[in-house]
Amino acid sequence: MILKIETSSGWVFYDEIDCLSYRNFPSGEYDAETDLKELIDHTEGWAKPCLENQKRLISFMNKNQSEESFVVAYSPIYLLNNEGKTIERI
């Protein structure tokens, strides 16, 4: 699978994703290094239907990784199949 995220400088793609999960990102300010791990561990529940421009916390892995990667992004975020066709809008 492919994760497609729009940034201020264009689209960013994460390829060869084997496992992916996402949650709504709670409002408030967080320090990336100290608070993100705690936020990941204690955010309850999976994502509810998203609103436009809602912040999401996405975790994913591929076969070449030994630890999860985390991305914080605003919706819409697209999950594509290996042929590049959209299969889910996050």
PDB file of N, CA and C in Angstrom:
ATOM      1  N   MET A   1       0.842  -1.173   0.000  1.00  0.00           N
ATOM      2  CA  MET A   1       0.000   0.000   0.000  1.00  0.00           C
ATOM      3  C   MET A   1       0.889   1.240   0.000  1.00  0.00           C
ATOM      4  N   ILE A   2       0.291   2.357  -0.366  1.00  0.00           N
ATOM      5  CA  ILE A   2       0.993   3.637  -0.438  1.00  0.00           C
ATOM      6  C   ILE A   2       0.190   4.665   0.356  1.00  0.00           C
ATOM      7  N   LEU A   3       0.865   5.457   1.163  1.00  0.00           N
ATOM      8  CA  LEU A   3       0.242   6.548   1.899  1.00  0.00           C
ATOM      9  C   LEU A   3       0.588   7.848   1.194  1.00  0.00           C
ATOM     10  N   LYS A   4      -0.433   8.652   0.884  1.00  0.00           N
ATOM     11  CA  LYS A   4      -0.249   9.912   0.144  1.00  0.00           C
ATOM     12  C   LYS A   4      -0.737  11.066   1.012  1.00  0.00           C
ATOM     13  N   ILE A   5       0.179  12.001   1.329  1.00  0.00           N
ATOM     14  CA  ILE A   5      -0.125  13.122   2.217  1.00  0.00           C
ATOM     15  C   ILE A   5       0.257  14.417   1.517  1.00  0.00           C
ATOM     16  N   GLU A   6      -0.644  15.399   1.558  1.00  0.00           N
ATOM     17  CA  GLU A   6      -0.340  16.699   0.967  1.00  0.00           C
ATOM     18  C   GLU A   6       0.314  17.595   2.005  1.00  0.00           C
ATOM     19  N   THR A   7       1.439  18.221   1.620  1.00  0.00           N
ATOM     20  CA  THR A   7       2.140  19.158   2.483  1.00  0.00           C
ATOM     21  C   THR A   7       2.171  20.518   1.790  1.00  0.00           C
ATOM     22  N   SER A   8       2.709  21.505   2.464  1.00  0.00           N
ATOM     23  CA  SER A   8       2.788  22.842   1.873  1.00  0.00           C
ATOM     24  C   SER A   8       3.699  22.880   0.651  1.00  0.00           C
ATOM     25  N   SER A   9       4.603  21.926   0.535  1.00  0.00           N
ATOM     26  CA  SER A   9       5.517  21.907  -0.609  1.00  0.00           C
ATOM     27  C   SER A   9       5.150  20.852  -1.653  1.00  0.00           C
ATOM     28  N   GLY A  10       4.017  20.196  -1.502  1.00  0.00           N
ATOM     29  CA  GLY A  10       3.586  19.188  -2.472  1.00  0.00           C
ATOM     30  C   GLY A  10       3.181  17.895  -1.793  1.00  0.00           C
ATOM     31  N   TRP A  11       3.052  16.850  -2.589  1.00  0.00           N
ATOM     32  CA  TRP A  11       2.645  15.540  -2.076  1.00  0.00           C
ATOM     33  C   TRP A  11       3.840  14.758  -1.564  1.00  0.00           C
ATOM     34  N   VAL A  12       3.619  14.021  -0.465  1.00  0.00           N
ATOM     35  CA  VAL A  12       4.625  13.113   0.089  1.00  0.00           C
ATOM     36  C   VAL A  12       4.031  11.712   0.038  1.00  0.00           C
ATOM     37  N   PHE A  13       4.836  10.734  -0.404  1.00  0.00           N
ATOM     38  CA  PHE A  13       4.385   9.362  -0.535  1.00  0.00           C
ATOM     39  C   PHE A  13       5.237   8.452   0.351  1.00  0.00           C
ATOM     40  N   TYR A  14       4.583   7.529   1.043  1.00  0.00           N
ATOM     41  CA  TYR A  14       5.252   6.474   1.802  1.00  0.00           C
ATOM     42  C   TYR A  14       4.830   5.169   1.149  1.00  0.00           C
ATOM     43  N   ASP A  15       5.788   4.396   0.657  1.00  0.00           N
ATOM     44  CA  ASP A  15       5.503   3.218  -0.145  1.00  0.00           C
ATOM     45  C   ASP A  15       5.779   1.935   0.636  1.00  0.00           C
ATOM     46  N   GLU A  16       5.270   0.836   0.103  1.00  0.00           N
ATOM     47  CA  GLU A  16       5.488  -0.512   0.638  1.00  0.00           C
ATOM     48  C   GLU A  16       4.984  -0.667   2.069  1.00  0.00           C
ATOM     49  N   ILE A  17       3.851  -0.066   2.381  1.00  0.00           N
ATOM     50  CA  ILE A  17       3.281  -0.156   3.720  1.00  0.00           C
ATOM     51  C   ILE A  17       2.585  -1.498   3.887  1.00  0.00           C
ATOM     52  N   ASP A  18       2.921  -2.199   4.968  1.00  0.00           N
ATOM     53  CA  ASP A  18       2.305  -3.493   5.265  1.00  0.00           C
ATOM     54  C   ASP A  18       1.237  -3.383   6.344  1.00  0.00           C
ATOM     55  N   CYS A  19       1.394  -2.444   7.251  1.00  0.00           N
ATOM     56  CA  CYS A  19       0.495  -2.303   8.390  1.00  0.00           C
ATOM     57  C   CYS A  19       0.288  -0.822   8.663  1.00  0.00           C
ATOM     58  N   LEU A  20      -0.966  -0.404   8.860  1.00  0.00           N
ATOM     59  CA  LEU A  20      -1.255   1.016   9.070  1.00  0.00           C
ATOM     60  C   LEU A  20      -2.417   1.160  10.049  1.00  0.00           C
ATOM     61  N   SER A  21      -2.321   2.135  10.940  1.00  0.00           N
ATOM     62  CA  SER A  21      -3.432   2.499  11.816  1.00  0.00           C
ATOM     63  C   SER A  21      -3.445   4.010  11.955  1.00  0.00           C
ATOM     64  N   TYR A  22      -4.601   4.564  12.307  1.00  0.00           N
ATOM     65  CA  TYR A  22      -4.690   6.014  12.479  1.00  0.00           C
ATOM     66  C   TYR A  22      -5.732   6.358  13.512  1.00  0.00           C
ATOM     67  N   ARG A  23      -5.540   7.537  14.100  1.00  0.00           N
ATOM     68  CA  ARG A  23      -6.426   8.050  15.146  1.00  0.00           C
ATOM     69  C   ARG A  23      -6.616   9.540  14.941  1.00  0.00           C
ATOM     70  N   ASN A  24      -7.703  10.065  15.507  1.00  0.00           N
ATOM     71  CA  ASN A  24      -7.851  11.514  15.558  1.00  0.00           C
ATOM     72  C   ASN A  24      -6.788  12.048  16.499  1.00  0.00           C
ATOM     73  N   PHE A  25      -6.205  13.160  16.149  1.00  0.00           N
ATOM     74  CA  PHE A  25      -5.184  13.787  16.985  1.00  0.00           C
ATOM     75  C   PHE A  25      -5.889  14.770  17.903  1.00  0.00           C
ATOM     76  N   PRO A  26      -5.778  14.607  19.222  1.00  0.00           N
ATOM     77  CA  PRO A  26      -6.484  15.511  20.128  1.00  0.00           C
ATOM     78  C   PRO A  26      -5.980  16.952  20.009  1.00  0.00           C
ATOM     79  N   SER A  27      -6.857  17.888  20.275  1.00  0.00           N
ATOM     80  CA  SER A  27      -6.447  19.290  20.210  1.00  0.00           C
ATOM     81  C   SER A  27      -5.462  19.594  21.327  1.00  0.00           C
ATOM     82  N   GLY A  28      -4.683  20.631  21.145  1.00  0.00           N
ATOM     83  CA  GLY A  28      -3.673  21.007  22.122  1.00  0.00           C
ATOM     84  C   GLY A  28      -2.302  21.011  21.472  1.00  0.00           C
ATOM     85  N   GLU A  29      -1.319  21.416  22.228  1.00  0.00           N
ATOM     86  CA  GLU A  29       0.043  21.501  21.718  1.00  0.00           C
ATOM     87  C   GLU A  29       0.870  20.377  22.331  1.00  0.00           C
ATOM     88  N   TYR A  30       1.735  19.775  21.526  1.00  0.00           N
ATOM     89  CA  TYR A  30       2.550  18.663  21.987  1.00  0.00           C
ATOM     90  C   TYR A  30       3.979  18.854  21.529  1.00  0.00           C
ATOM     91  N   ASP A  31       4.904  18.503  22.399  1.00  0.00           N
ATOM     92  CA  ASP A  31       6.318  18.500  22.051  1.00  0.00           C
ATOM     93  C   ASP A  31       6.611  17.171  21.370  1.00  0.00           C
ATOM     94  N   ALA A  32       7.156  17.237  20.189  1.00  0.00           N
ATOM     95  CA  ALA A  32       7.330  16.033  19.371  1.00  0.00           C
ATOM     96  C   ALA A  32       8.161  14.960  20.069  1.00  0.00           C
ATOM     97  N   GLU A  33       9.175  15.349  20.799  1.00  0.00           N
ATOM     98  CA  GLU A  33      10.057  14.343  21.376  1.00  0.00           C
ATOM     99  C   GLU A  33       9.556  13.788  22.698  1.00  0.00           C
ATOM    100  N   THR A  34       8.984  14.615  23.560  1.00  0.00           N
ATOM    101  CA  THR A  34       8.616  14.128  24.881  1.00  0.00           C
ATOM    102  C   THR A  34       7.166  13.666  24.970  1.00  0.00           C
ATOM    103  N   ASP A  35       6.252  14.334  24.275  1.00  0.00           N
ATOM    104  CA  ASP A  35       4.838  14.046  24.440  1.00  0.00           C
ATOM    105  C   ASP A  35       4.266  13.074  23.424  1.00  0.00           C
ATOM    106  N   LEU A  36       4.882  12.921  22.270  1.00  0.00           N
ATOM    107  CA  LEU A  36       4.297  12.104  21.225  1.00  0.00           C
ATOM    108  C   LEU A  36       4.191  10.640  21.651  1.00  0.00           C
ATOM    109  N   LYS A  37       5.222  10.095  22.285  1.00  0.00           N
ATOM    110  CA  LYS A  37       5.166   8.700  22.736  1.00  0.00           C
ATOM    111  C   LYS A  37       4.020   8.503  23.717  1.00  0.00           C
ATOM    112  N   GLU A  38       3.871   9.422  24.656  1.00  0.00           N
ATOM    113  CA  GLU A  38       2.777   9.321  25.622  1.00  0.00           C
ATOM    114  C   GLU A  38       1.421   9.446  24.925  1.00  0.00           C
ATOM    115  N   LEU A  39       1.323  10.350  23.985  1.00  0.00           N
ATOM    116  CA  LEU A  39       0.076  10.533  23.244  1.00  0.00           C
ATOM    117  C   LEU A  39      -0.289   9.261  22.479  1.00  0.00           C
ATOM    118  N   ILE A  40       0.692   8.629  21.856  1.00  0.00           N
ATOM    119  CA  ILE A  40       0.453   7.390  21.105  1.00  0.00           C
ATOM    120  C   ILE A  40      -0.041   6.296  22.041  1.00  0.00           C
ATOM    121  N   ASP A  41       0.563   6.194  23.205  1.00  0.00           N
ATOM    122  CA  ASP A  41       0.205   5.146  24.149  1.00  0.00           C
ATOM    123  C   ASP A  41      -1.159   5.361  24.795  1.00  0.00           C
ATOM    124  N   HIS A  42      -1.611   6.616  24.923  1.00  0.00           N
ATOM    125  CA  HIS A  42      -2.816   6.889  25.700  1.00  0.00           C
ATOM    126  C   HIS A  42      -3.993   7.437  24.909  1.00  0.00           C
ATOM    127  N   THR A  43      -3.856   7.643  23.621  1.00  0.00           N
ATOM    128  CA  THR A  43      -4.993   8.091  22.829  1.00  0.00           C
ATOM    129  C   THR A  43      -5.966   6.926  22.728  1.00  0.00           C
ATOM    130  N   GLU A  44      -7.202   7.144  23.144  1.00  0.00           N
ATOM    131  CA  GLU A  44      -8.169   6.057  23.163  1.00  0.00           C
ATOM    132  C   GLU A  44      -8.942   5.985  21.866  1.00  0.00           C
ATOM    133  N   GLY A  45      -9.183   4.770  21.426  1.00  0.00           N
ATOM    134  CA  GLY A  45     -10.063   4.540  20.293  1.00  0.00           C
ATOM    135  C   GLY A  45      -9.436   4.819  18.949  1.00  0.00           C
ATOM    136  N   TRP A  46     -10.024   4.218  17.942  1.00  0.00           N
ATOM    137  CA  TRP A  46      -9.609   4.458  16.570  1.00  0.00           C
ATOM    138  C   TRP A  46     -10.309   5.682  16.042  1.00  0.00           C
ATOM    139  N   ALA A  47      -9.930   6.095  14.879  1.00  0.00           N
ATOM    140  CA  ALA A  47     -10.452   7.333  14.300  1.00  0.00           C
ATOM    141  C   ALA A  47     -11.949   7.234  14.023  1.00  0.00           C
ATOM    142  N   LYS A  48     -12.615   8.317  14.277  1.00  0.00           N
ATOM    143  CA  LYS A  48     -14.016   8.456  13.913  1.00  0.00           C
ATOM    144  C   LYS A  48     -14.044   9.051  12.512  1.00  0.00           C
ATOM    145  N   PRO A  49     -15.226   9.088  11.865  1.00  0.00           N
ATOM    146  CA  PRO A  49     -15.262   9.707  10.533  1.00  0.00           C
ATOM    147  C   PRO A  49     -14.626  11.087  10.574  1.00  0.00           C
ATOM    148  N   CYS A  50     -13.776  11.363   9.610  1.00  0.00           N
ATOM    149  CA  CYS A  50     -12.987  12.588   9.660  1.00  0.00           C
ATOM    150  C   CYS A  50     -13.710  13.766   9.032  1.00  0.00           C
ATOM    151  N   LEU A  51     -13.387  14.914   9.535  1.00  0.00           N
ATOM    152  CA  LEU A  51     -13.831  16.174   8.967  1.00  0.00           C
ATOM    153  C   LEU A  51     -12.687  16.705   8.122  1.00  0.00           C
ATOM    154  N   GLU A  52     -12.999  17.535   7.161  1.00  0.00           N
ATOM    155  CA  GLU A  52     -11.944  18.145   6.342  1.00  0.00           C
ATOM    156  C   GLU A  52     -10.962  18.862   7.265  1.00  0.00           C
ATOM    157  N   ASN A  53      -9.699  18.749   6.971  1.00  0.00           N
ATOM    158  CA  ASN A  53      -8.616  19.410   7.708  1.00  0.00           C
ATOM    159  C   ASN A  53      -8.528  19.003   9.176  1.00  0.00           C
ATOM    160  N   GLN A  54      -8.957  17.810   9.498  1.00  0.00           N
ATOM    161  CA  GLN A  54      -8.807  17.300  10.854  1.00  0.00           C
ATOM    162  C   GLN A  54      -7.432  16.659  10.980  1.00  0.00           C
ATOM    163  N   LYS A  55      -6.768  16.905  12.092  1.00  0.00           N
ATOM    164  CA  LYS A  55      -5.419  16.379  12.301  1.00  0.00           C
ATOM    165  C   LYS A  55      -5.506  14.897  12.667  1.00  0.00           C
ATOM    166  N   ARG A  56      -4.646  14.090  12.036  1.00  0.00           N
ATOM    167  CA  ARG A  56      -4.599  12.649  12.259  1.00  0.00           C
ATOM    168  C   ARG A  56      -3.209  12.218  12.716  1.00  0.00           C
ATOM    169  N   LEU A  57      -3.172  11.205  13.558  1.00  0.00           N
ATOM    170  CA  LEU A  57      -1.938  10.552  13.958  1.00  0.00           C
ATOM    171  C   LEU A  57      -1.927   9.202  13.247  1.00  0.00           C
ATOM    172  N   ILE A  58      -0.950   8.982  12.393  1.00  0.00           N
ATOM    173  CA  ILE A  58      -0.882   7.771  11.578  1.00  0.00           C
ATOM    174  C   ILE A  58       0.370   6.999  11.963  1.00  0.00           C
ATOM    175  N   SER A  59       0.225   5.700  12.187  1.00  0.00           N
ATOM    176  CA  SER A  59       1.396   4.848  12.427  1.00  0.00           C
ATOM    177  C   SER A  59       1.409   3.765  11.356  1.00  0.00           C
ATOM    178  N   PHE A  60       2.596   3.434  10.875  1.00  0.00           N
ATOM    179  CA  PHE A  60       2.695   2.413   9.839  1.00  0.00           C
ATOM    180  C   PHE A  60       4.056   1.727   9.883  1.00  0.00           C
ATOM    181  N   MET A  61       4.095   0.558   9.255  1.00  0.00           N
ATOM    182  CA  MET A  61       5.333  -0.223   9.154  1.00  0.00           C
ATOM    183  C   MET A  61       5.411  -0.855   7.770  1.00  0.00           C
ATOM    184  N   ASN A  62       6.630  -1.136   7.347  1.00  0.00           N
ATOM    185  CA  ASN A  62       6.827  -1.975   6.169  1.00  0.00           C
ATOM    186  C   ASN A  62       7.834  -3.065   6.526  1.00  0.00           C
ATOM    187  N   LYS A  63       8.054  -3.974   5.595  1.00  0.00           N
ATOM    188  CA  LYS A  63       8.895  -5.137   5.889  1.00  0.00           C
ATOM    189  C   LYS A  63      10.344  -4.785   6.192  1.00  0.00           C
ATOM    190  N   ASN A  64      10.778  -3.572   5.848  1.00  0.00           N
ATOM    191  CA  ASN A  64      12.164  -3.158   6.082  1.00  0.00           C
ATOM    192  C   ASN A  64      12.358  -2.444   7.411  1.00  0.00           C
ATOM    193  N   GLN A  65      11.300  -2.287   8.195  1.00  0.00           N
ATOM    194  CA  GLN A  65      11.384  -1.552   9.454  1.00  0.00           C
ATOM    195  C   GLN A  65      11.301  -2.484  10.649  1.00  0.00           C
ATOM    196  N   SER A  66      11.981  -2.115  11.720  1.00  0.00           N
ATOM    197  CA  SER A  66      11.871  -2.862  12.968  1.00  0.00           C
ATOM    198  C   SER A  66      11.008  -2.112  13.982  1.00  0.00           C
ATOM    199  N   GLU A  67      10.708  -0.829  13.697  1.00  0.00           N
ATOM    200  CA  GLU A  67       9.841  -0.025  14.554  1.00  0.00           C
ATOM    201  C   GLU A  67       8.850   0.748  13.701  1.00  0.00           C
ATOM    202  N   GLU A  68       7.740   1.129  14.327  1.00  0.00           N
ATOM    203  CA  GLU A  68       6.721   1.899  13.616  1.00  0.00           C
ATOM    204  C   GLU A  68       7.219   3.290  13.247  1.00  0.00           C
ATOM    205  N   SER A  69       6.699   3.817  12.154  1.00  0.00           N
ATOM    206  CA  SER A  69       6.900   5.219  11.783  1.00  0.00           C
ATOM    207  C   SER A  69       5.616   5.959  12.134  1.00  0.00           C
ATOM    208  N   PHE A  70       5.740   7.213  12.549  1.00  0.00           N
ATOM    209  CA  PHE A  70       4.578   8.015  12.913  1.00  0.00           C
ATOM    210  C   PHE A  70       4.566   9.298  12.103  1.00  0.00           C
ATOM    211  N   VAL A  71       3.374   9.686  11.654  1.00  0.00           N
ATOM    212  CA  VAL A  71       3.182  10.914  10.908  1.00  0.00           C
ATOM    213  C   VAL A  71       1.964  11.616  11.484  1.00  0.00           C
ATOM    214  N   VAL A  72       2.076  12.916  11.686  1.00  0.00           N
ATOM    215  CA  VAL A  72       0.929  13.736  12.057  1.00  0.00           C
ATOM    216  C   VAL A  72       0.617  14.594  10.841  1.00  0.00           C
ATOM    217  N   ALA A  73      -0.616  14.502  10.347  1.00  0.00           N
ATOM    218  CA  ALA A  73      -0.988  15.212   9.126  1.00  0.00           C
ATOM    219  C   ALA A  73      -2.462  15.590   9.187  1.00  0.00           C
ATOM    220  N   TYR A  74      -2.828  16.535   8.340  1.00  0.00           N
ATOM    221  CA  TYR A  74      -4.226  16.941   8.228  1.00  0.00           C
ATOM    222  C   TYR A  74      -4.905  16.160   7.113  1.00  0.00           C
ATOM    223  N   SER A  75      -6.181  15.810   7.347  1.00  0.00           N
ATOM    224  CA  SER A  75      -6.944  15.140   6.296  1.00  0.00           C
ATOM    225  C   SER A  75      -7.267  16.163   5.210  1.00  0.00           C
ATOM    226  N   PRO A  76      -7.499  15.772   3.982  1.00  0.00           N
ATOM    227  CA  PRO A  76      -7.575  14.376   3.560  1.00  0.00           C
ATOM    228  C   PRO A  76      -6.197  13.765   3.321  1.00  0.00           C
ATOM    229  N   ILE A  77      -6.087  12.522   3.705  1.00  0.00           N
ATOM    230  CA  ILE A  77      -4.903  11.699   3.511  1.00  0.00           C
ATOM    231  C   ILE A  77      -5.394  10.484   2.730  1.00  0.00           C
ATOM    232  N   TYR A  78      -4.610  10.011   1.794  1.00  0.00           N
ATOM    233  CA  TYR A  78      -5.081   8.940   0.929  1.00  0.00           C
ATOM    234  C   TYR A  78      -4.252   7.684   1.108  1.00  0.00           C
ATOM    235  N   LEU A  79      -4.939   6.556   1.184  1.00  0.00           N
ATOM    236  CA  LEU A  79      -4.300   5.251   1.176  1.00  0.00           C
ATOM    237  C   LEU A  79      -4.550   4.659  -0.209  1.00  0.00           C
ATOM    238  N   LEU A  80      -3.462   4.325  -0.896  1.00  0.00           N
ATOM    239  CA  LEU A  80      -3.542   3.830  -2.271  1.00  0.00           C
ATOM    240  C   LEU A  80      -3.101   2.374  -2.328  1.00  0.00           C
ATOM    241  N   ASN A  81      -3.626   1.641  -3.306  1.00  0.00           N
ATOM    242  CA  ASN A  81      -3.122   0.285  -3.520  1.00  0.00           C
ATOM    243  C   ASN A  81      -1.791   0.365  -4.255  1.00  0.00           C
ATOM    244  N   ASN A  82      -1.175  -0.755  -4.518  1.00  0.00           N
ATOM    245  CA  ASN A  82       0.152  -0.758  -5.146  1.00  0.00           C
ATOM    246  C   ASN A  82       0.143  -0.249  -6.578  1.00  0.00           C
ATOM    247  N   GLU A  83      -1.040  -0.167  -7.197  1.00  0.00           N
ATOM    248  CA  GLU A  83      -1.161   0.387  -8.547  1.00  0.00           C
ATOM    249  C   GLU A  83      -1.430   1.884  -8.530  1.00  0.00           C
ATOM    250  N   GLY A  84      -1.567   2.481  -7.344  1.00  0.00           N
ATOM    251  CA  GLY A  84      -1.773   3.925  -7.222  1.00  0.00           C
ATOM    252  C   GLY A  84      -3.226   4.366  -7.203  1.00  0.00           C
ATOM    253  N   LYS A  85      -4.160   3.440  -7.065  1.00  0.00           N
ATOM    254  CA  LYS A  85      -5.576   3.780  -7.006  1.00  0.00           C
ATOM    255  C   LYS A  85      -6.005   3.951  -5.563  1.00  0.00           C
ATOM    256  N   THR A  86      -6.799   4.983  -5.287  1.00  0.00           N
ATOM    257  CA  THR A  86      -7.254   5.264  -3.938  1.00  0.00           C
ATOM    258  C   THR A  86      -8.160   4.142  -3.432  1.00  0.00           C
ATOM    259  N   ILE A  87      -7.837   3.619  -2.243  1.00  0.00           N
ATOM    260  CA  ILE A  87      -8.706   2.620  -1.633  1.00  0.00           C
ATOM    261  C   ILE A  87      -9.371   3.141  -0.367  1.00  0.00           C
ATOM    262  N   GLU A  88      -8.793   4.211   0.229  1.00  0.00           N
ATOM    263  CA  GLU A  88      -9.407   4.804   1.419  1.00  0.00           C
ATOM    264  C   GLU A  88      -8.959   6.245   1.563  1.00  0.00           C
ATOM    265  N   ARG A  89      -9.893   7.084   2.003  1.00  0.00           N
ATOM    266  CA  ARG A  89      -9.579   8.463   2.345  1.00  0.00           C
ATOM    267  C   ARG A  89      -9.601   8.578   3.858  1.00  0.00           C
ATOM    268  N   ILE A  90      -8.484   8.977   4.411  1.00  0.00           N
ATOM    269  CA  ILE A  90      -8.350   9.026   5.877  1.00  0.00           C
ATOM    270  C   ILE A  90      -8.606  10.456   6.348  1.00  0.00           C
TER     271      ILE A  90
END
